[in-house]
Amino acid sequence: MSKYFITIEDVALLSGFDGNIDNDSINPFIFMAQRNDIKRILGLELYNKIADDFESDTLAGDYLDIFTNYICIIQAYYTCAYYLRLGVAKVSQNGVYLVTPEKTEQLTDDERNKKAEMYEKLAVGLELEFVKYLDELNLPERPAPSNINAKSNFNWMRPCRNK
């Protein structure tokens, strides 16, 4: 896989996460967000085009706009969701344990999952906006509309009912 599109500094800047999270701790979740979500959203051809241009530092035009205004932000939000759900425990040869810094109070599983869900909803909202934006562009690598796999699980948004 190509270089990660974002760093812990990007995640911190875009999400409110502390920038002092250890890279070894968060990089697997940056990878998951890029591999599982960004690749799904862009489709393989557009993902490969953007990844190649990113690695060669030649992102420009619509591709740079997509990267800056959508990919980095969506990836940061999905990284946060993954980290909150999966990054609370460490696995080592001594077993599985929670990381608990001194003089802190841990969130409950329910509280942590609610925070993760909110980050995922932020990502999904931007993902749906991106799909509409992509309709305006004439990119040769753009997936056909029926092949775009955007999430749309806004269970917190309900249509208004007329009384």
N, C-alpha and C. Protein backbone atom coordinates (compact mmCIF):
# COMPACT_ATOMS: atom_id res chain seq x y z
N MET A 1 0.84 -1.18 0.00
CA MET A 1 0.00 0.00 0.00
C MET A 1 0.88 1.23 0.00
N SER A 2 0.39 2.27 -0.61
CA SER A 2 1.13 3.52 -0.65
C SER A 2 1.20 4.14 0.74
N LYS A 3 1.86 5.28 0.81
CA LYS A 3 1.97 5.99 2.09
C LYS A 3 0.58 6.32 2.62
N TYR A 4 0.51 6.48 3.93
CA TYR A 4 -0.75 6.92 4.53
C TYR A 4 -1.04 8.34 4.06
N PHE A 5 -2.30 8.61 3.76
CA PHE A 5 -2.69 9.93 3.30
C PHE A 5 -2.66 10.96 4.44
N ILE A 6 -2.85 10.50 5.68
CA ILE A 6 -2.89 11.42 6.80
C ILE A 6 -1.96 10.94 7.92
N THR A 7 -1.70 11.82 8.86
CA THR A 7 -0.85 11.53 10.02
C THR A 7 -1.65 11.79 11.29
N ILE A 8 -1.08 11.45 12.42
CA ILE A 8 -1.72 11.75 13.70
C ILE A 8 -1.93 13.26 13.83
N GLU A 9 -1.03 14.06 13.30
CA GLU A 9 -1.19 15.52 13.36
C GLU A 9 -2.44 15.95 12.60
N ASP A 10 -2.70 15.34 11.45
CA ASP A 10 -3.92 15.64 10.68
C ASP A 10 -5.16 15.22 11.47
N VAL A 11 -5.11 14.03 12.06
CA VAL A 11 -6.24 13.54 12.86
C VAL A 11 -6.51 14.52 14.00
N ALA A 12 -5.46 14.96 14.69
CA ALA A 12 -5.63 15.90 15.80
C ALA A 12 -6.22 17.22 15.32
N LEU A 13 -5.71 17.73 14.23
CA LEU A 13 -6.18 19.01 13.70
C LEU A 13 -7.64 18.95 13.26
N LEU A 14 -8.04 17.83 12.67
CA LEU A 14 -9.38 17.72 12.08
C LEU A 14 -10.43 17.16 13.03
N SER A 15 -10.01 16.62 14.18
CA SER A 15 -10.97 15.92 15.01
C SER A 15 -11.04 16.35 16.46
N GLY A 16 -10.02 16.98 16.96
CA GLY A 16 -9.98 17.29 18.38
C GLY A 16 -9.28 16.23 19.20
N PHE A 17 -8.79 15.16 18.56
CA PHE A 17 -7.98 14.17 19.27
C PHE A 17 -6.67 14.84 19.71
N ASP A 18 -6.10 14.33 20.77
CA ASP A 18 -4.81 14.81 21.25
C ASP A 18 -3.72 14.40 20.25
N GLY A 19 -2.88 15.34 19.86
CA GLY A 19 -1.81 15.04 18.92
C GLY A 19 -0.67 14.24 19.52
N ASN A 20 -0.74 13.96 20.81
CA ASN A 20 0.33 13.21 21.47
C ASN A 20 0.08 11.70 21.49
N ILE A 21 -0.90 11.23 20.75
CA ILE A 21 -1.14 9.79 20.67
C ILE A 21 0.05 9.17 19.94
N ASP A 22 0.56 8.10 20.47
CA ASP A 22 1.70 7.41 19.90
C ASP A 22 1.38 6.93 18.48
N ASN A 23 2.29 7.21 17.54
CA ASN A 23 2.08 6.79 16.15
C ASN A 23 1.85 5.30 16.03
N ASP A 24 2.60 4.51 16.77
CA ASP A 24 2.42 3.05 16.72
C ASP A 24 1.03 2.65 17.18
N SER A 25 0.43 3.47 18.00
CA SER A 25 -0.89 3.18 18.52
C SER A 25 -2.00 3.54 17.52
N ILE A 26 -1.83 4.63 16.79
CA ILE A 26 -2.92 5.08 15.90
C ILE A 26 -2.72 4.70 14.44
N ASN A 27 -1.48 4.43 14.01
CA ASN A 27 -1.25 4.11 12.60
C ASN A 27 -2.08 2.93 12.08
N PRO A 28 -2.30 1.88 12.87
CA PRO A 28 -3.14 0.80 12.34
C PRO A 28 -4.56 1.27 11.99
N PHE A 29 -5.05 2.27 12.71
CA PHE A 29 -6.40 2.76 12.48
C PHE A 29 -6.44 3.74 11.31
N ILE A 30 -5.35 4.47 11.10
CA ILE A 30 -5.21 5.29 9.89
C ILE A 30 -5.21 4.37 8.68
N PHE A 31 -4.46 3.26 8.79
CA PHE A 31 -4.43 2.26 7.70
C PHE A 31 -5.82 1.70 7.45
N MET A 32 -6.53 1.30 8.50
CA MET A 32 -7.88 0.74 8.33
C MET A 32 -8.81 1.70 7.62
N ALA A 33 -8.77 2.96 8.03
CA ALA A 33 -9.64 3.96 7.41
C ALA A 33 -9.30 4.15 5.94
N GLN A 34 -8.01 4.14 5.62
CA GLN A 34 -7.60 4.33 4.22
C GLN A 34 -7.94 3.10 3.40
N ARG A 35 -7.63 1.94 3.92
CA ARG A 35 -7.83 0.69 3.17
C ARG A 35 -9.30 0.31 3.06
N ASN A 36 -10.04 0.44 4.15
CA ASN A 36 -11.42 -0.03 4.16
C ASN A 36 -12.41 1.02 3.66
N ASP A 37 -12.18 2.28 4.00
CA ASP A 37 -13.20 3.29 3.70
C ASP A 37 -12.83 4.17 2.51
N ILE A 38 -11.65 4.72 2.50
CA ILE A 38 -11.27 5.62 1.40
C ILE A 38 -11.26 4.85 0.07
N LYS A 39 -10.71 3.66 0.09
CA LYS A 39 -10.68 2.85 -1.15
C LYS A 39 -12.10 2.50 -1.59
N ARG A 40 -12.98 2.19 -0.65
CA ARG A 40 -14.38 1.88 -0.97
C ARG A 40 -15.08 3.10 -1.57
N ILE A 41 -14.86 4.26 -0.99
CA ILE A 41 -15.52 5.48 -1.43
C ILE A 41 -15.06 5.89 -2.83
N LEU A 42 -13.77 5.83 -3.06
CA LEU A 42 -13.21 6.30 -4.34
C LEU A 42 -13.34 5.29 -5.46
N GLY A 43 -13.41 4.03 -5.14
CA GLY A 43 -13.30 3.01 -6.17
C GLY A 43 -11.83 2.80 -6.48
N LEU A 44 -11.50 1.64 -7.00
CA LEU A 44 -10.10 1.27 -7.17
C LEU A 44 -9.34 2.19 -8.13
N GLU A 45 -9.93 2.53 -9.27
CA GLU A 45 -9.20 3.35 -10.25
C GLU A 45 -8.89 4.74 -9.72
N LEU A 46 -9.91 5.40 -9.14
CA LEU A 46 -9.69 6.75 -8.61
C LEU A 46 -8.77 6.70 -7.40
N TYR A 47 -8.91 5.68 -6.56
CA TYR A 47 -8.01 5.53 -5.42
C TYR A 47 -6.56 5.40 -5.90
N ASN A 48 -6.32 4.53 -6.87
CA ASN A 48 -4.96 4.33 -7.37
C ASN A 48 -4.40 5.60 -7.99
N LYS A 49 -5.21 6.35 -8.73
CA LYS A 49 -4.76 7.61 -9.34
C LYS A 49 -4.34 8.60 -8.26
N ILE A 50 -5.18 8.75 -7.24
CA ILE A 50 -4.87 9.70 -6.17
C ILE A 50 -3.67 9.21 -5.35
N ALA A 51 -3.60 7.92 -5.06
CA ALA A 51 -2.47 7.38 -4.30
C ALA A 51 -1.16 7.57 -5.06
N ASP A 52 -1.16 7.30 -6.37
CA ASP A 52 0.05 7.49 -7.19
C ASP A 52 0.48 8.95 -7.21
N ASP A 53 -0.49 9.85 -7.42
CA ASP A 53 -0.17 11.28 -7.44
C ASP A 53 0.30 11.76 -6.07
N PHE A 54 -0.28 11.23 -5.01
CA PHE A 54 0.13 11.59 -3.66
C PHE A 54 1.57 11.17 -3.41
N GLU A 55 1.89 9.94 -3.78
CA GLU A 55 3.26 9.44 -3.58
C GLU A 55 4.29 10.21 -4.38
N SER A 56 3.91 10.63 -5.58
CA SER A 56 4.86 11.37 -6.42
C SER A 56 4.75 12.88 -6.21
N ASP A 57 3.92 13.30 -5.27
CA ASP A 57 3.72 14.71 -4.94
C ASP A 57 3.29 15.53 -6.16
N THR A 58 2.36 14.96 -6.94
CA THR A 58 1.87 15.65 -8.13
C THR A 58 0.36 15.85 -8.11
N LEU A 59 -0.26 15.77 -6.94
CA LEU A 59 -1.70 16.01 -6.86
C LEU A 59 -2.00 17.43 -7.32
N ALA A 60 -2.99 17.58 -8.19
CA ALA A 60 -3.33 18.90 -8.70
C ALA A 60 -4.78 18.91 -9.17
N GLY A 61 -5.32 20.10 -9.35
CA GLY A 61 -6.66 20.26 -9.90
C GLY A 61 -7.73 19.59 -9.06
N ASP A 62 -8.66 18.93 -9.75
CA ASP A 62 -9.77 18.26 -9.06
C ASP A 62 -9.28 17.20 -8.10
N TYR A 63 -8.20 16.53 -8.44
CA TYR A 63 -7.67 15.47 -7.57
C TYR A 63 -7.16 16.04 -6.24
N LEU A 64 -6.50 17.19 -6.30
CA LEU A 64 -6.03 17.85 -5.09
C LEU A 64 -7.23 18.33 -4.27
N ASP A 65 -8.23 18.85 -4.95
CA ASP A 65 -9.45 19.31 -4.27
C ASP A 65 -10.14 18.14 -3.55
N ILE A 66 -10.28 17.02 -4.24
CA ILE A 66 -10.87 15.82 -3.64
C ILE A 66 -10.05 15.39 -2.43
N PHE A 67 -8.75 15.37 -2.58
CA PHE A 67 -7.86 14.93 -1.51
C PHE A 67 -7.97 15.84 -0.28
N THR A 68 -7.89 17.14 -0.52
CA THR A 68 -7.87 18.11 0.58
C THR A 68 -9.22 18.26 1.26
N ASN A 69 -10.27 18.38 0.47
CA ASN A 69 -11.59 18.71 1.01
C ASN A 69 -12.45 17.52 1.38
N TYR A 70 -12.04 16.32 0.98
CA TYR A 70 -12.86 15.14 1.28
C TYR A 70 -12.04 14.00 1.88
N ILE A 71 -11.04 13.51 1.16
CA ILE A 71 -10.33 12.31 1.59
C ILE A 71 -9.70 12.48 2.97
N CYS A 72 -8.93 13.53 3.18
CA CYS A 72 -8.22 13.70 4.46
C CYS A 72 -9.20 13.80 5.62
N ILE A 73 -10.28 14.52 5.43
CA ILE A 73 -11.24 14.72 6.52
C ILE A 73 -12.00 13.43 6.79
N ILE A 74 -12.49 12.78 5.74
CA ILE A 74 -13.22 11.52 5.92
C ILE A 74 -12.32 10.49 6.58
N GLN A 75 -11.07 10.39 6.12
CA GLN A 75 -10.15 9.41 6.71
C GLN A 75 -9.88 9.73 8.17
N ALA A 76 -9.77 10.99 8.52
CA ALA A 76 -9.54 11.36 9.93
C ALA A 76 -10.73 10.93 10.78
N TYR A 77 -11.95 11.18 10.30
CA TYR A 77 -13.14 10.81 11.08
C TYR A 77 -13.26 9.30 11.24
N TYR A 78 -13.03 8.56 10.16
CA TYR A 78 -13.09 7.10 10.28
C TYR A 78 -11.97 6.57 11.18
N THR A 79 -10.80 7.20 11.13
CA THR A 79 -9.70 6.80 12.02
C THR A 79 -10.13 6.97 13.47
N CYS A 80 -10.77 8.07 13.79
CA CYS A 80 -11.25 8.32 15.15
C CYS A 80 -12.25 7.24 15.58
N ALA A 81 -13.18 6.92 14.69
CA ALA A 81 -14.19 5.91 15.02
C ALA A 81 -13.53 4.56 15.28
N TYR A 82 -12.60 4.17 14.42
CA TYR A 82 -11.89 2.89 14.63
C TYR A 82 -11.09 2.92 15.94
N TYR A 83 -10.39 4.02 16.18
CA TYR A 83 -9.55 4.12 17.37
C TYR A 83 -10.39 4.03 18.65
N LEU A 84 -11.51 4.73 18.66
CA LEU A 84 -12.36 4.70 19.85
C LEU A 84 -12.95 3.31 20.11
N ARG A 85 -13.25 2.59 19.04
CA ARG A 85 -13.84 1.26 19.21
C ARG A 85 -12.79 0.18 19.47
N LEU A 86 -11.65 0.29 18.81
CA LEU A 86 -10.69 -0.81 18.85
C LEU A 86 -9.38 -0.47 19.56
N GLY A 87 -9.08 0.79 19.77
CA GLY A 87 -7.78 1.17 20.30
C GLY A 87 -7.70 1.24 21.81
N VAL A 88 -8.74 0.81 22.49
CA VAL A 88 -8.75 0.92 23.95
C VAL A 88 -8.00 -0.21 24.63
N ALA A 89 -7.76 -1.28 23.92
CA ALA A 89 -7.07 -2.42 24.51
C ALA A 89 -5.78 -2.69 23.74
N LYS A 90 -4.80 -3.16 24.45
CA LYS A 90 -3.53 -3.54 23.84
C LYS A 90 -3.37 -5.05 23.97
N VAL A 91 -2.78 -5.63 22.95
CA VAL A 91 -2.55 -7.07 22.96
C VAL A 91 -1.04 -7.29 22.94
N SER A 92 -0.56 -8.08 23.88
CA SER A 92 0.87 -8.39 23.94
C SER A 92 1.02 -9.85 24.33
N GLN A 93 2.26 -10.28 24.46
CA GLN A 93 2.49 -11.66 24.86
C GLN A 93 1.98 -11.93 26.28
N ASN A 94 1.75 -10.86 27.03
CA ASN A 94 1.23 -11.01 28.39
C ASN A 94 -0.28 -11.03 28.45
N GLY A 95 -0.94 -10.85 27.31
CA GLY A 95 -2.40 -10.88 27.28
C GLY A 95 -2.99 -9.60 26.72
N VAL A 96 -4.28 -9.41 26.97
CA VAL A 96 -5.01 -8.24 26.50
C VAL A 96 -5.29 -7.37 27.71
N TYR A 97 -4.98 -6.09 27.61
CA TYR A 97 -5.17 -5.20 28.75
C TYR A 97 -5.62 -3.82 28.27
N LEU A 98 -6.26 -3.07 29.17
CA LEU A 98 -6.67 -1.70 28.90
C LEU A 98 -5.52 -0.77 29.22
N VAL A 99 -5.39 0.27 28.42
CA VAL A 99 -4.40 1.29 28.68
C VAL A 99 -5.09 2.36 29.52
N THR A 100 -4.60 2.57 30.73
CA THR A 100 -5.22 3.53 31.64
C THR A 100 -4.17 4.43 32.26
N PRO A 101 -4.01 5.63 31.71
CA PRO A 101 -3.05 6.57 32.30
C PRO A 101 -3.47 6.92 33.74
N GLU A 102 -2.47 7.24 34.54
CA GLU A 102 -2.74 7.59 35.94
C GLU A 102 -3.63 8.83 36.02
N LYS A 103 -4.43 8.88 37.07
CA LYS A 103 -5.27 10.04 37.39
C LYS A 103 -6.23 10.38 36.26
N THR A 104 -6.78 9.37 35.59
CA THR A 104 -7.79 9.60 34.56
C THR A 104 -8.99 8.71 34.85
N GLU A 105 -10.10 9.11 34.30
CA GLU A 105 -11.30 8.29 34.41
C GLU A 105 -11.66 7.80 33.01
N GLN A 106 -11.78 6.50 32.85
CA GLN A 106 -12.08 5.92 31.55
C GLN A 106 -13.55 6.08 31.21
N LEU A 107 -13.84 6.28 29.92
CA LEU A 107 -15.22 6.30 29.47
C LEU A 107 -15.78 4.88 29.56
N THR A 108 -17.07 4.79 29.73
CA THR A 108 -17.70 3.48 29.67
C THR A 108 -17.72 3.04 28.21
N ASP A 109 -17.96 1.75 27.99
CA ASP A 109 -18.07 1.26 26.61
C ASP A 109 -19.15 2.00 25.86
N ASP A 110 -20.27 2.24 26.51
CA ASP A 110 -21.39 2.94 25.87
C ASP A 110 -21.00 4.37 25.49
N GLU A 111 -20.34 5.08 26.38
CA GLU A 111 -19.90 6.45 26.10
C GLU A 111 -18.90 6.48 24.95
N ARG A 112 -17.96 5.55 24.97
CA ARG A 112 -16.93 5.49 23.92
C ARG A 112 -17.57 5.15 22.57
N ASN A 113 -18.51 4.20 22.57
CA ASN A 113 -19.18 3.82 21.32
C ASN A 113 -20.02 4.96 20.77
N LYS A 114 -20.63 5.75 21.64
CA LYS A 114 -21.40 6.92 21.17
C LYS A 114 -20.49 7.93 20.51
N LYS A 115 -19.32 8.16 21.10
CA LYS A 115 -18.36 9.08 20.48
C LYS A 115 -17.89 8.54 19.13
N ALA A 116 -17.60 7.26 19.07
CA ALA A 116 -17.17 6.64 17.82
C ALA A 116 -18.26 6.77 16.76
N GLU A 117 -19.50 6.56 17.17
CA GLU A 117 -20.63 6.66 16.24
C GLU A 117 -20.77 8.08 15.69
N MET A 118 -20.53 9.07 16.52
CA MET A 118 -20.61 10.45 16.05
C MET A 118 -19.52 10.75 15.01
N TYR A 119 -18.31 10.25 15.24
CA TYR A 119 -17.26 10.44 14.24
C TYR A 119 -17.62 9.73 12.94
N GLU A 120 -18.20 8.54 13.06
CA GLU A 120 -18.61 7.82 11.85
C GLU A 120 -19.70 8.58 11.11
N LYS A 121 -20.62 9.18 11.83
CA LYS A 121 -21.70 9.96 11.20
C LYS A 121 -21.14 11.19 10.51
N LEU A 122 -20.13 11.82 11.10
CA LEU A 122 -19.48 12.94 10.44
C LEU A 122 -18.86 12.49 9.12
N ALA A 123 -18.19 11.33 9.16
CA ALA A 123 -17.56 10.79 7.94
C ALA A 123 -18.62 10.47 6.90
N VAL A 124 -19.70 9.85 7.30
CA VAL A 124 -20.76 9.46 6.37
C VAL A 124 -21.39 10.70 5.73
N GLY A 125 -21.62 11.74 6.52
CA GLY A 125 -22.18 12.96 5.97
C GLY A 125 -21.30 13.56 4.90
N LEU A 126 -20.00 13.61 5.16
CA LEU A 126 -19.07 14.15 4.18
C LEU A 126 -18.93 13.21 2.98
N GLU A 127 -19.03 11.93 3.24
CA GLU A 127 -18.98 10.93 2.16
C GLU A 127 -20.14 11.14 1.18
N LEU A 128 -21.34 11.37 1.71
CA LEU A 128 -22.50 11.60 0.85
C LEU A 128 -22.37 12.91 0.08
N GLU A 129 -21.81 13.92 0.72
CA GLU A 129 -21.55 15.20 0.04
C GLU A 129 -20.54 14.98 -1.09
N PHE A 130 -19.53 14.17 -0.83
CA PHE A 130 -18.51 13.88 -1.84
C PHE A 130 -19.11 13.19 -3.06
N VAL A 131 -20.01 12.25 -2.84
CA VAL A 131 -20.65 11.54 -3.96
C VAL A 131 -21.39 12.53 -4.86
N LYS A 132 -22.06 13.50 -4.28
CA LYS A 132 -22.74 14.54 -5.07
C LYS A 132 -21.73 15.40 -5.82
N TYR A 133 -20.65 15.76 -5.13
CA TYR A 133 -19.60 16.56 -5.76
C TYR A 133 -18.98 15.80 -6.93
N LEU A 134 -18.78 14.52 -6.76
CA LEU A 134 -18.17 13.70 -7.81
C LEU A 134 -19.02 13.70 -9.08
N ASP A 135 -20.34 13.84 -8.92
CA ASP A 135 -21.23 13.90 -10.09
C ASP A 135 -20.94 15.11 -10.97
N GLU A 136 -20.40 16.16 -10.37
CA GLU A 136 -20.11 17.39 -11.12
C GLU A 136 -18.80 17.31 -11.90
N LEU A 137 -17.97 16.35 -11.57
CA LEU A 137 -16.64 16.25 -12.19
C LEU A 137 -16.64 15.28 -13.36
N ASN A 138 -15.75 15.54 -14.27
CA ASN A 138 -15.58 14.65 -15.41
C ASN A 138 -14.20 14.00 -15.32
N LEU A 139 -14.09 13.03 -14.41
CA LEU A 139 -12.82 12.36 -14.20
C LEU A 139 -12.85 10.99 -14.87
N PRO A 140 -11.82 10.65 -15.63
CA PRO A 140 -11.82 9.35 -16.29
C PRO A 140 -11.81 8.16 -15.33
N GLU A 141 -11.31 8.36 -14.12
CA GLU A 141 -11.23 7.27 -13.15
C GLU A 141 -12.47 7.17 -12.27
N ARG A 142 -13.40 8.08 -12.48
CA ARG A 142 -14.59 8.12 -11.64
C ARG A 142 -15.39 6.84 -11.80
N PRO A 143 -15.77 6.22 -10.67
CA PRO A 143 -16.60 5.01 -10.78
C PRO A 143 -17.99 5.37 -11.30
N ALA A 144 -18.62 4.44 -11.99
CA ALA A 144 -20.00 4.65 -12.43
C ALA A 144 -20.86 4.87 -11.20
N PRO A 145 -21.90 5.72 -11.30
CA PRO A 145 -22.73 6.00 -10.13
C PRO A 145 -23.25 4.75 -9.41
N SER A 146 -23.55 3.71 -10.16
CA SER A 146 -24.06 2.50 -9.51
C SER A 146 -22.96 1.74 -8.76
N ASN A 147 -21.69 2.08 -9.02
CA ASN A 147 -20.58 1.40 -8.36
C ASN A 147 -20.04 2.17 -7.15
N ILE A 148 -20.60 3.35 -6.88
CA ILE A 148 -20.16 4.12 -5.72
C ILE A 148 -20.83 3.53 -4.50
N ASN A 149 -20.01 3.17 -3.54
CA ASN A 149 -20.51 2.48 -2.34
C ASN A 149 -20.41 3.42 -1.15
N ALA A 150 -21.36 4.35 -1.06
CA ALA A 150 -21.38 5.29 0.06
C ALA A 150 -22.31 4.79 1.13
N LYS A 151 -21.89 4.98 2.36
CA LYS A 151 -22.76 4.63 3.48
C LYS A 151 -23.86 5.68 3.58
N SER A 152 -24.98 5.30 4.14
CA SER A 152 -26.04 6.28 4.36
C SER A 152 -26.84 5.93 5.61
N ASN A 153 -26.14 5.56 6.65
CA ASN A 153 -26.82 5.11 7.86
C ASN A 153 -26.99 6.25 8.86
N PHE A 154 -27.79 7.21 8.51
CA PHE A 154 -28.07 8.32 9.41
C PHE A 154 -29.27 7.97 10.27
N ASN A 155 -29.10 7.10 11.25
CA ASN A 155 -30.23 6.73 12.07
C ASN A 155 -30.63 7.83 13.04
N TRP A 156 -29.86 8.87 13.16
CA TRP A 156 -30.21 9.99 14.04
C TRP A 156 -30.98 11.06 13.29
N MET A 157 -31.03 10.97 11.95
CA MET A 157 -31.79 11.95 11.17
C MET A 157 -33.11 11.33 10.75
N ARG A 158 -34.18 11.91 11.15
CA ARG A 158 -35.49 11.42 10.79
C ARG A 158 -36.17 12.48 9.94
N PRO A 159 -36.93 12.07 8.92
CA PRO A 159 -37.67 13.07 8.15
C PRO A 159 -38.71 13.74 9.03
N CYS A 160 -38.92 15.02 8.80
CA CYS A 160 -39.94 15.74 9.56
C CYS A 160 -41.32 15.24 9.16
N ARG A 161 -42.16 15.09 10.12
CA ARG A 161 -43.54 14.67 9.83
C ARG A 161 -44.47 15.86 9.92
N ASN A 162 -45.36 15.96 8.97
CA ASN A 162 -46.38 16.99 9.03
C ASN A 162 -47.46 16.54 9.99
N LYS A 163 -47.88 17.42 10.88
CA LYS A 163 -48.91 17.06 11.85
C LYS A 163 -50.25 17.52 11.39
